[in-house]
Amino acid sequence: MKIIFTKHSIIKLEHRKINRQFVLETIKNPELIRPTYNFREELYRKFGKNYLKVIVKKIKVNILVLTTHWVAKPKDKL
């Protein structure tokens, strides 16, 4: 599977000072996966005190990273 970052996600990574390696780790080994609208998924993984939330959409054999941000905790308990 190929992981593709959208222009928006790259801008948000820089703006929010999120390490790209954290995003890749979250995609490869999420602690929580929640389906959302339009066949998207929210992937969560804890780094330090906060969780990284990565919004992705699977398109054929590719994973498209739409956006990422830090959250205190996921809506669903782990």
N, C-alpha and C. Protein backbone atom coordinates (compact mmCIF):
# COMPACT_ATOMS: atom_id res chain seq x y z
N MET A 1 0.83 -1.19 0.00
CA MET A 1 0.00 0.00 0.00
C MET A 1 0.87 1.25 0.00
N LYS A 2 0.48 2.19 -0.80
CA LYS A 2 1.20 3.45 -0.89
C LYS A 2 0.45 4.49 -0.07
N ILE A 3 1.18 5.27 0.73
CA ILE A 3 0.58 6.32 1.54
C ILE A 3 0.85 7.65 0.85
N ILE A 4 -0.24 8.36 0.53
CA ILE A 4 -0.15 9.62 -0.19
C ILE A 4 -0.66 10.74 0.71
N PHE A 5 0.13 11.80 0.85
CA PHE A 5 -0.26 12.96 1.64
C PHE A 5 -0.85 14.02 0.70
N THR A 6 -2.03 14.54 1.04
CA THR A 6 -2.61 15.63 0.26
C THR A 6 -1.84 16.92 0.57
N LYS A 7 -2.00 17.92 -0.28
CA LYS A 7 -1.37 19.21 -0.03
C LYS A 7 -1.85 19.78 1.30
N HIS A 8 -3.13 19.65 1.56
CA HIS A 8 -3.70 20.14 2.82
C HIS A 8 -3.03 19.47 4.02
N SER A 9 -2.86 18.15 3.95
CA SER A 9 -2.27 17.44 5.09
C SER A 9 -0.81 17.85 5.31
N ILE A 10 -0.08 18.11 4.25
CA ILE A 10 1.31 18.55 4.38
C ILE A 10 1.38 19.92 5.04
N ILE A 11 0.49 20.82 4.64
CA ILE A 11 0.43 22.16 5.24
C ILE A 11 0.11 22.05 6.73
N LYS A 12 -0.86 21.20 7.07
CA LYS A 12 -1.27 21.05 8.47
C LYS A 12 -0.17 20.39 9.30
N LEU A 13 0.57 19.45 8.72
CA LEU A 13 1.70 18.85 9.44
C LEU A 13 2.71 19.91 9.85
N GLU A 14 3.03 20.79 8.93
CA GLU A 14 3.99 21.85 9.21
C GLU A 14 3.43 22.86 10.20
N HIS A 15 2.19 23.26 9.99
CA HIS A 15 1.56 24.26 10.85
C HIS A 15 1.40 23.76 12.29
N ARG A 16 1.04 22.50 12.44
CA ARG A 16 0.80 21.91 13.76
C ARG A 16 2.05 21.24 14.34
N LYS A 17 3.15 21.30 13.61
CA LYS A 17 4.43 20.74 14.04
C LYS A 17 4.30 19.26 14.41
N ILE A 18 3.71 18.50 13.49
CA ILE A 18 3.53 17.06 13.68
C ILE A 18 4.57 16.33 12.82
N ASN A 19 5.28 15.42 13.45
CA ASN A 19 6.30 14.63 12.76
C ASN A 19 5.63 13.66 11.80
N ARG A 20 6.09 13.63 10.57
CA ARG A 20 5.51 12.72 9.56
C ARG A 20 5.65 11.25 9.98
N GLN A 21 6.71 10.94 10.71
CA GLN A 21 6.91 9.56 11.19
C GLN A 21 5.79 9.14 12.14
N PHE A 22 5.29 10.09 12.96
CA PHE A 22 4.17 9.79 13.85
C PHE A 22 2.92 9.42 13.04
N VAL A 23 2.72 10.11 11.93
CA VAL A 23 1.57 9.82 11.06
C VAL A 23 1.70 8.42 10.48
N LEU A 24 2.89 8.08 10.00
CA LEU A 24 3.10 6.75 9.42
C LEU A 24 2.91 5.65 10.46
N GLU A 25 3.39 5.88 11.69
CA GLU A 25 3.20 4.90 12.76
C GLU A 25 1.72 4.74 13.10
N THR A 26 0.99 5.84 13.10
CA THR A 26 -0.45 5.78 13.39
C THR A 26 -1.18 5.00 12.31
N ILE A 27 -0.81 5.19 11.07
CA ILE A 27 -1.47 4.47 9.97
C ILE A 27 -1.14 2.98 10.03
N LYS A 28 0.11 2.65 10.32
CA LYS A 28 0.53 1.25 10.33
C LYS A 28 0.05 0.49 11.57
N ASN A 29 -0.08 1.19 12.70
CA ASN A 29 -0.44 0.51 13.94
C ASN A 29 -1.34 1.40 14.82
N PRO A 30 -2.59 1.64 14.36
CA PRO A 30 -3.48 2.50 15.15
C PRO A 30 -3.99 1.78 16.40
N GLU A 31 -4.26 2.57 17.44
CA GLU A 31 -4.85 2.02 18.66
C GLU A 31 -6.37 1.99 18.58
N LEU A 32 -6.93 2.87 17.74
CA LEU A 32 -8.37 2.94 17.56
C LEU A 32 -8.67 3.34 16.13
N ILE A 33 -9.66 2.70 15.52
CA ILE A 33 -10.11 3.05 14.17
C ILE A 33 -11.60 3.32 14.25
N ARG A 34 -12.01 4.49 13.77
CA ARG A 34 -13.43 4.84 13.74
C ARG A 34 -13.83 5.20 12.32
N PRO A 35 -14.87 4.56 11.79
CA PRO A 35 -15.35 4.96 10.47
C PRO A 35 -16.07 6.30 10.55
N THR A 36 -15.93 7.10 9.52
CA THR A 36 -16.63 8.39 9.45
C THR A 36 -17.36 8.46 8.11
N TYR A 37 -17.82 9.63 7.77
CA TYR A 37 -18.61 9.79 6.55
C TYR A 37 -17.76 9.63 5.29
N ASN A 38 -18.44 9.35 4.18
CA ASN A 38 -17.81 9.29 2.86
C ASN A 38 -16.65 8.29 2.81
N PHE A 39 -16.79 7.17 3.53
CA PHE A 39 -15.81 6.07 3.53
C PHE A 39 -14.43 6.48 4.07
N ARG A 40 -14.41 7.45 4.94
CA ARG A 40 -13.16 7.87 5.57
C ARG A 40 -13.01 7.16 6.91
N GLU A 41 -11.81 7.19 7.44
CA GLU A 41 -11.55 6.60 8.76
C GLU A 41 -10.73 7.56 9.60
N GLU A 42 -11.01 7.55 10.91
CA GLU A 42 -10.20 8.27 11.88
C GLU A 42 -9.31 7.24 12.56
N LEU A 43 -8.01 7.46 12.52
CA LEU A 43 -7.05 6.56 13.16
C LEU A 43 -6.42 7.31 14.33
N TYR A 44 -6.32 6.65 15.48
CA TYR A 44 -5.76 7.27 16.67
C TYR A 44 -4.58 6.45 17.20
N ARG A 45 -3.58 7.18 17.70
CA ARG A 45 -2.45 6.54 18.38
C ARG A 45 -1.90 7.54 19.39
N LYS A 46 -1.56 7.03 20.57
CA LYS A 46 -1.08 7.90 21.64
C LYS A 46 0.42 8.13 21.54
N PHE A 47 0.81 9.39 21.66
CA PHE A 47 2.21 9.81 21.71
C PHE A 47 2.32 10.77 22.89
N GLY A 48 2.98 10.34 23.93
CA GLY A 48 3.09 11.18 25.13
C GLY A 48 1.74 11.32 25.81
N LYS A 49 1.31 12.55 26.06
CA LYS A 49 0.04 12.81 26.75
C LYS A 49 -1.16 12.85 25.81
N ASN A 50 -0.91 13.10 24.53
CA ASN A 50 -2.00 13.30 23.58
C ASN A 50 -2.07 12.19 22.54
N TYR A 51 -3.19 12.18 21.83
CA TYR A 51 -3.41 11.24 20.74
C TYR A 51 -3.28 11.97 19.41
N LEU A 52 -2.67 11.31 18.47
CA LEU A 52 -2.63 11.83 17.11
C LEU A 52 -3.83 11.26 16.37
N LYS A 53 -4.62 12.14 15.79
CA LYS A 53 -5.79 11.74 15.00
C LYS A 53 -5.44 11.96 13.54
N VAL A 54 -5.53 10.90 12.76
CA VAL A 54 -5.21 10.96 11.33
C VAL A 54 -6.47 10.56 10.56
N ILE A 55 -6.91 11.43 9.67
CA ILE A 55 -8.07 11.15 8.83
C ILE A 55 -7.57 10.64 7.49
N VAL A 56 -8.00 9.44 7.12
CA VAL A 56 -7.54 8.83 5.87
C VAL A 56 -8.73 8.33 5.06
N LYS A 57 -8.46 8.14 3.79
CA LYS A 57 -9.44 7.52 2.89
C LYS A 57 -8.68 6.50 2.05
N LYS A 58 -9.17 5.28 2.03
CA LYS A 58 -8.54 4.23 1.24
C LYS A 58 -9.12 4.26 -0.17
N ILE A 59 -8.23 4.39 -1.14
CA ILE A 59 -8.63 4.41 -2.54
C ILE A 59 -7.86 3.31 -3.25
N LYS A 60 -8.56 2.24 -3.57
CA LYS A 60 -7.97 1.05 -4.17
C LYS A 60 -6.84 0.54 -3.28
N VAL A 61 -5.60 0.62 -3.73
CA VAL A 61 -4.48 0.11 -2.93
C VAL A 61 -3.71 1.23 -2.24
N ASN A 62 -4.22 2.45 -2.31
CA ASN A 62 -3.54 3.60 -1.71
C ASN A 62 -4.28 4.10 -0.48
N ILE A 63 -3.53 4.71 0.42
CA ILE A 63 -4.11 5.38 1.58
C ILE A 63 -3.84 6.87 1.41
N LEU A 64 -4.90 7.65 1.37
CA LEU A 64 -4.80 9.09 1.19
C LEU A 64 -4.95 9.76 2.55
N VAL A 65 -3.90 10.45 2.99
CA VAL A 65 -3.93 11.18 4.26
C VAL A 65 -4.57 12.54 3.99
N LEU A 66 -5.73 12.79 4.64
CA LEU A 66 -6.46 14.03 4.40
C LEU A 66 -6.06 15.13 5.37
N THR A 67 -5.94 14.80 6.67
CA THR A 67 -5.52 15.77 7.66
C THR A 67 -5.08 15.06 8.94
N THR A 68 -4.39 15.79 9.80
CA THR A 68 -3.93 15.25 11.07
C THR A 68 -3.99 16.34 12.12
N HIS A 69 -4.26 15.94 13.36
CA HIS A 69 -4.16 16.89 14.46
C HIS A 69 -4.11 16.15 15.79
N TRP A 70 -3.67 16.89 16.83
CA TRP A 70 -3.58 16.34 18.17
C TRP A 70 -4.91 16.50 18.88
N VAL A 71 -5.29 15.47 19.66
CA VAL A 71 -6.49 15.55 20.50
C VAL A 71 -6.11 15.03 21.89
N ALA A 72 -6.83 15.51 22.91
CA ALA A 72 -6.56 15.07 24.27
C ALA A 72 -6.92 13.61 24.45
N LYS A 73 -8.06 13.21 23.87
CA LYS A 73 -8.47 11.80 23.89
C LYS A 73 -9.51 11.56 22.82
N PRO A 74 -9.60 10.34 22.30
CA PRO A 74 -10.62 10.03 21.30
C PRO A 74 -12.01 10.08 21.92
N LYS A 75 -13.02 10.25 21.10
CA LYS A 75 -14.40 10.29 21.58
C LYS A 75 -14.78 8.94 22.20
N ASP A 76 -14.30 7.86 21.59
CA ASP A 76 -14.55 6.51 22.12
C ASP A 76 -13.38 6.13 23.03
N LYS A 77 -13.67 5.44 24.09
CA LYS A 77 -12.60 4.99 25.00
C LYS A 77 -11.79 3.89 24.34
N LEU A 78 -10.53 3.83 24.67
CA LEU A 78 -9.65 2.77 24.17
C LEU A 78 -9.72 1.58 25.07
